[in-house]
């Protein structure tokens, strides 16, 4: 059985109550799932002896602006054992903008989740230190949101004096 098929089968077998959407682009498998399963699925993918996704390479988000679920949180994980990259995607509604943290699964996700919080305003439940990473704590906006003006908001951020 090919690894892509194995991943799909294991997810379907172990998470019968969850619905997954599988897609492939340029030989890379993507799995879209409900955000309430993200922590459980990530733990499973890391701890399963056939898969061993030991590395979370990146966590980012997409702002769709006009969709019902405005944001999609995207996880790029890698199995060194299988030399295989997998993309996980979960939609997050703007009204709550919350998803579970996976920093308990991969320590590297700590700063990546902080960056998503800082730039998009997506909060991560049970994150050990969720605070801004680039912008000052008192900054009330999220610069990578589609509704943030391209030239910024005049006076919203004090600039250093020359």
Protein backbone atom coordinates (compact mmCIF):
# COMPACT_ATOMS: atom_id res chain seq x y z
CA UNK A 1 0.00 0.00 0.00
CA UNK A 2 1.32 3.45 -0.91
CA UNK A 3 1.98 5.82 2.01
CA UNK A 4 -0.73 8.28 0.92
CA UNK A 5 -3.30 5.50 0.96
CA UNK A 6 -1.99 4.24 4.30
CA UNK A 7 -2.38 7.69 5.87
CA UNK A 8 -5.92 8.02 4.56
CA UNK A 9 -6.90 4.55 5.78
CA UNK A 10 -5.36 5.00 9.24
CA UNK A 11 -7.09 8.35 9.73
CA UNK A 12 -10.46 6.98 8.63
CA UNK A 13 -10.07 3.87 10.83
CA UNK A 14 -8.91 5.70 13.96
CA UNK A 15 -11.19 8.74 13.73
CA UNK A 16 -14.49 7.29 12.58
CA UNK A 17 -16.50 10.25 13.89
CA UNK A 18 -14.37 12.79 11.98
CA UNK A 19 -14.83 13.57 8.33
CA UNK A 20 -11.72 14.13 6.26
CA UNK A 21 -11.29 15.73 2.87
CA UNK A 22 -8.25 14.40 1.05
CA UNK A 23 -6.70 16.19 -1.89
CA UNK A 24 -3.45 16.00 -3.77
CA UNK A 25 -1.51 18.65 -5.60
CA UNK A 26 1.90 18.11 -7.17
CA UNK A 27 2.31 14.81 -5.36
CA UNK A 28 1.65 16.37 -1.94
CA UNK A 29 -1.23 15.07 0.16
CA UNK A 30 -3.49 17.52 2.01
CA UNK A 31 -6.01 16.57 4.67
CA UNK A 32 -8.78 18.95 5.67
CA UNK A 33 -10.45 18.22 9.00
CA UNK A 34 -12.66 19.79 11.61
CA UNK A 35 -10.68 21.90 14.07
CA UNK A 36 -12.00 19.97 17.08
CA UNK A 37 -9.91 16.95 15.99
CA UNK A 38 -6.66 18.75 15.20
CA UNK A 39 -4.85 17.93 18.45
CA UNK A 40 -5.89 14.26 18.46
CA UNK A 41 -4.98 13.78 14.79
CA UNK A 42 -1.60 15.47 15.21
CA UNK A 43 -0.77 13.26 18.23
CA UNK A 44 -1.78 10.19 16.27
CA UNK A 45 0.30 11.15 13.21
CA UNK A 46 3.36 11.73 15.38
CA UNK A 47 3.04 8.66 17.60
CA UNK A 48 1.95 6.08 15.01
CA UNK A 49 4.92 3.80 14.36
CA UNK A 50 4.17 3.47 10.64
CA UNK A 51 3.92 7.20 10.07
CA UNK A 52 6.10 9.07 12.61
CA UNK A 53 5.48 12.68 11.62
CA UNK A 54 8.08 13.94 14.08
CA UNK A 55 8.59 17.42 12.64
CA UNK A 56 6.17 20.31 12.37
CA UNK A 57 7.86 22.44 9.72
CA UNK A 58 5.42 25.33 9.63
CA UNK A 59 2.05 26.58 10.81
CA UNK A 60 0.41 29.43 8.99
CA UNK A 61 -3.03 30.68 8.08
CA UNK A 62 -5.00 31.82 5.07
CA UNK A 63 -7.46 34.70 5.31
CA UNK A 64 -10.27 34.07 2.82
CA UNK A 65 -11.93 37.39 3.81
CA UNK A 66 -15.46 36.68 2.56
CA UNK A 67 -15.99 33.00 3.41
CA UNK A 68 -18.11 31.82 6.33
CA UNK A 69 -15.06 30.22 7.91
CA UNK A 70 -12.77 33.15 7.24
CA UNK A 71 -9.48 31.51 8.20
CA UNK A 72 -7.81 28.21 7.40
CA UNK A 73 -4.97 27.16 9.69
CA UNK A 74 -2.40 25.17 7.70
CA UNK A 75 0.12 22.74 9.22
CA UNK A 76 3.10 21.41 7.24
CA UNK A 77 4.40 18.27 8.93
CA UNK A 78 7.17 15.91 7.89
CA UNK A 79 7.99 12.25 8.45
CA UNK A 80 11.75 11.74 8.39
CA UNK A 81 11.25 7.99 8.51
CA UNK A 82 9.18 8.00 5.32
CA UNK A 83 10.64 11.15 3.73
CA UNK A 84 7.09 12.41 3.33
CA UNK A 85 5.46 15.81 3.78
CA UNK A 86 1.81 16.14 4.76
CA UNK A 87 -0.40 19.24 4.89
CA UNK A 88 -3.22 19.50 7.45
CA UNK A 89 -5.89 22.18 7.13
CA UNK A 90 -8.62 23.30 9.53
CA UNK A 91 -11.13 26.09 9.07
CA UNK A 92 -11.62 28.66 11.81
CA UNK A 93 -14.57 31.02 11.96
CA UNK A 94 -13.81 34.71 12.46
CA UNK A 95 -16.33 35.10 15.30
CA UNK A 96 -14.30 32.84 17.61
CA UNK A 97 -10.90 32.55 15.86
CA UNK A 98 -9.83 29.74 18.20
CA UNK A 99 -8.20 26.35 17.58
CA UNK A 100 -6.35 23.94 19.89
CA UNK A 101 -2.61 24.36 20.22
CA UNK A 102 -0.40 21.52 19.00
CA UNK A 103 2.61 22.77 20.98
CA UNK A 104 2.20 19.78 23.31
CA UNK A 105 2.81 17.52 20.28
CA UNK A 106 5.59 19.48 18.57
CA UNK A 107 7.56 22.02 20.64
CA UNK A 108 8.53 23.80 17.39
CA UNK A 109 4.93 24.86 16.90
CA UNK A 110 5.16 27.24 19.87
CA UNK A 111 6.56 30.20 17.94
CA UNK A 112 4.67 29.34 14.76
CA UNK A 113 1.38 29.56 16.64
CA UNK A 114 2.48 32.83 18.22
CA UNK A 115 3.15 34.20 14.74
CA UNK A 116 -0.37 33.18 13.58
CA UNK A 117 -1.83 34.83 16.63
CA UNK A 118 0.15 38.02 16.06
CA UNK A 119 -0.46 38.33 12.33
CA UNK A 120 -4.02 36.93 12.01
CA UNK A 121 -5.51 37.10 15.51
CA UNK A 122 -6.12 33.35 15.70
CA UNK A 123 -5.91 32.17 19.31
CA UNK A 124 -4.57 28.73 20.23
CA UNK A 125 -6.18 26.97 23.21
CA UNK A 126 -3.72 25.73 25.85
CA UNK A 127 -0.71 27.45 24.28
CA UNK A 128 1.99 27.83 26.96
CA UNK A 129 2.86 31.47 26.12
CA UNK A 130 0.46 33.00 23.59
CA UNK A 131 1.61 36.57 23.07
CA UNK A 132 2.73 38.71 20.17
CA UNK A 133 6.01 37.86 18.52
CA UNK A 134 6.56 40.78 16.08
CA UNK A 135 4.17 43.57 16.99
CA UNK A 136 4.02 45.35 20.37
CA UNK A 137 1.57 43.81 22.86
CA UNK A 138 -0.60 46.95 22.87
CA UNK A 139 -1.02 46.89 19.05
CA UNK A 140 -4.71 46.16 18.48
CA UNK A 141 -4.61 45.04 14.82
CA UNK A 142 -3.46 41.96 12.92
CA UNK A 143 -1.38 42.96 9.85
CA UNK A 144 -1.89 39.89 7.63
CA UNK A 145 -5.67 40.08 7.70
CA UNK A 146 -7.17 41.07 4.36
CA UNK A 147 -9.00 44.02 5.94
CA UNK A 148 -5.78 45.56 7.26
CA UNK A 149 -4.82 48.51 5.02
CA UNK A 150 -1.81 47.96 2.79
CA UNK A 151 -0.12 51.14 4.00
CA UNK A 152 -1.03 50.47 7.61
CA UNK A 153 -3.14 52.61 9.92
CA UNK A 154 -1.64 56.05 10.50
CA UNK A 155 -0.79 56.60 14.14
CA UNK A 156 -1.50 53.01 15.19
CA UNK A 157 2.14 52.19 15.77
CA UNK A 158 4.64 54.70 17.14
CA UNK A 159 7.75 54.74 14.98
CA UNK A 160 11.24 55.23 16.43
CA UNK A 161 12.61 58.75 16.28
CA UNK A 162 15.68 59.42 14.17
